[in-house]
Amino acid sequence: MVNLMKKLLSAALAGAMLLCMAPAAIADETVGELKPHALSYLTVDREKGIIDGIDGSITVSKLENEFEGDITVKSPDGKTKSGSDAVCTDDVVSSGDDSAKAVIYGDLNRDGRVSVGDAVDSLKKVAGWDIEVNEYAADVDRSGSVNVSDAILILKKVAGWDGISLGRVRMIAENEKLAAENEDSDLDLYFETPMIRVGRSNTTSTGDFVYEMKLARNETESCQAVLSTVADKEVTPELSAFRHEKFDYELESEVLGSYYYSLNVFYDLVADSSFKKNANGVAYAYNYDGHHVSDYYADPLPKITGPVELKAGTSKIFMINVTSQKDAPAGMYRATLNFKDNDGNIVKSAYVYAYVWDFTLPDGTYSVTDFGMMAPYTISKDFKNESYLTKPELYVRYYEMMLDYNITSTVMPYEITDDRADAYMNDPRVTSFLFDGPGNINVGGHSDAENLAAYNKIKDNELWLSKAYIHEVDEPYGENGAANIRAQYAKYSQMLGRDAVKIMIPLAGNNSYFETSTKLDIWEITLQNTNIFCPQSLAFLPQKESPLTNPSFTSSRAFSVFGENLDRIDSLREAGTHDLWWYVCVQPQLPWANFFVNYHGIANRVLLWQQFMYNVDGLLYWNVSAWSQTDGTVSRFETLSDGVLIYYSELFGYDAEPVPSYRLVQVRDGLDDFDYLSIAEELCGRDAVNKVLSTVTTGMLKYTEDPAVMEAAREALAEMIIAAQSEIR
């Protein structure tokens, strides 16, 4: 029994969470009355003479933050407590002549914490021993009496079980099935993380009958509701509002449908067995066999405009998005997901939860983004004829939706010289915009007169100038590429002034040219003629770690002169002369992290963790709506859906507007992760963040494919941020 108690106590301590209470509201001092502030979870139960709602261990200073006006805390023997002293059950909290006793549910022995000893005291009480306990604190299941189930709950809490709220002071996402009003036994409803693709033929339940999303304020998170059936059905989903567990507040939310394509989805991308090896055990190529599942998988996430068809023996995902506003109270929210048949009967139901952490993400992302979405590709069904130039009002919808997903599109809806562009250039969500694009295959360049007019407008506005850039040359190769870089730089220097507007050149490789006379490679020539250095993510793999076909970003000749790419990038960082972006497109392919349709979501999302790891400022992606590559219907597998992250709604039978993809959700969430990492670094330092980051990725071909690991890392970052901000307050 003693060993069991030690194990339970050890587990509880190892799994302990930081308690961060809502900050005290600014109010006039209330003299002589115990009054919790408006955002506090605490209540003063005057009939029982207790302070109810304390969620586990709490210090005096944190308890003080829960009340308007000053309070005093004294132990039962009259000793005054302060600061970091623990508040214990039966401590007397007073303001003037008004007082009540603190109740820490599960703290039966009055030491301010919940331990195995409290469970033992609970069992003694149940067995009839002559032991004095606060029965409110002992009745942790709120059944009205102290019994064995209370002791069991205390032990579970000590052991670190999830879903335990002693005294039921907080809403908990308990994994229990809901019975619908008209339950249909042919259907099964369960949930899956958005980071795992669910094949249409996969009808095996995950066993998760509720789902809890966790997010900061000013953030959107998602989950997948999976509905499987043994018979043909038609159902319509309805999602109630996400309501706060205590306060009269609702989060914004939506439920989206899904459209399926036949795909090979790869897994174990970076497992040892994923590589072919020579006789010496050295990996030389990727092994495509045995690392994918063929099925139909969802990518477009269209609106639901009517009943949804389900075929017998299949499943279908529904993507739930929940958004927390900037003023959302921290804490748990709950919604109900119902599915109705064609007669309006509710045939399947489940709870969906959202926990809002007590910190707020900025309006704009820490990472600069630049994702193409323009001519000659589509923003409507008639992609060969329509563009952002011919349908500007539709392009605004597309541009704004991308901002909702944390992404800045390359071209603003209006020319820089148009007064309507000012709001976008001022918008913190807009992290970049194209000034001129002779190297951009989607747009092309402006005339000299247009460039001069645009520059004269933005040159004295520091914010606007910081976001503007010129896409000078695209993926230069060979001697012609080097000459073009220099010629274009000379042109803009003469027209606008040297380095007047930042210049960016995407560098796809550094193995095509080396100047014998100057001993310069394309890398150095690019640096000499740009302000934004933007290599493909291949550049961040050390030369000695390149086991795959055509893996080397830099030629051996340039490598022998300049050394490792990462050393060159570190030197560039130290010099501070350039912004550092990177990009992906149809390369690099398996097993590199990328936005391919053939990946589970985690391999899309981890790219942003790697971006933070290498201190990269911005992310370039050439296009999100290159439907001419897909014949307007389905992603071509030879391109792995490169250039397609959104779809057009006419494919799904409703008026022209953008349709997000499964992968767009991953990019959005990855950019939020980048924000978490950046905020935690600002507050806690790089070393502390690296300990968390290393659980997710340690190199370009070294990353987790376990969503639980990434979620745990995200939660650890959130705890770091909350704790650090609490200390500042």
Foldseek 3Di string as FASTA:
>chain_A
DVVLQVLLLVLLVVQPFDDFFDFADDDDADAFDWAFHPQGLWDQDVVQQEIDLDFFKDAPVRVQRRTGHGKWWAAPVGHTGDDRQIQWFQIWIGGHPDIGTYAHAQRFVTRRGHGLVSLVVLVCVQVPHPDDGDQLSQPFVPPVGRHNVSSVLSSCNSNNHAQRTGNPSADGQDQDFDAFPAADPQKDKAWDALLFWDFFLDPDHPSRQEAEAEEAAQAKGKIKIKMAGQAKAWKDKDKFWWAFPPDGDTWDKDKWFWDKDWFWFFDPQLPLVQFDADPVRFGAAGRPPPGTDTGITTWFTHHDDGIDIHHHSTMTIMMMMTHHHPPHRFGKTKMKMFMAGPVRGTHGIGIYMYGYFHDHFDLAFQFAAEAEAWPPADLALPSNPDTLVRCLVQVQQVQVVLLVLLHHYAADSDQLLDPVCVVVLPRNSNQAYELAECAFPGPHGDDLVSSVSNCVVCQPPPSSLNRYEYAQHEAAADPVSLVSLVVSLVVCCVSPNHPSHFYEYEHAAFAGDADPVVRDTPQVSNVVRGQEYEYAPLLFAWPVRQNHDPSHRHHPSNCVVPNRSLVVVVVCVVVPRHAYEYEAFLPDDTPFQDLFPSYRLLSVLCVLLVCVVSVHRYYYASAARRCVCVVLADADVVSSNTRHQWHFCVNVPDDTHITGTSSSSSNSVSSVLNSLLVLLCVQPNDVVSVVLSVQAADGRSGGDSDVVSVVVSSVVSSSSNSVSVSVVD
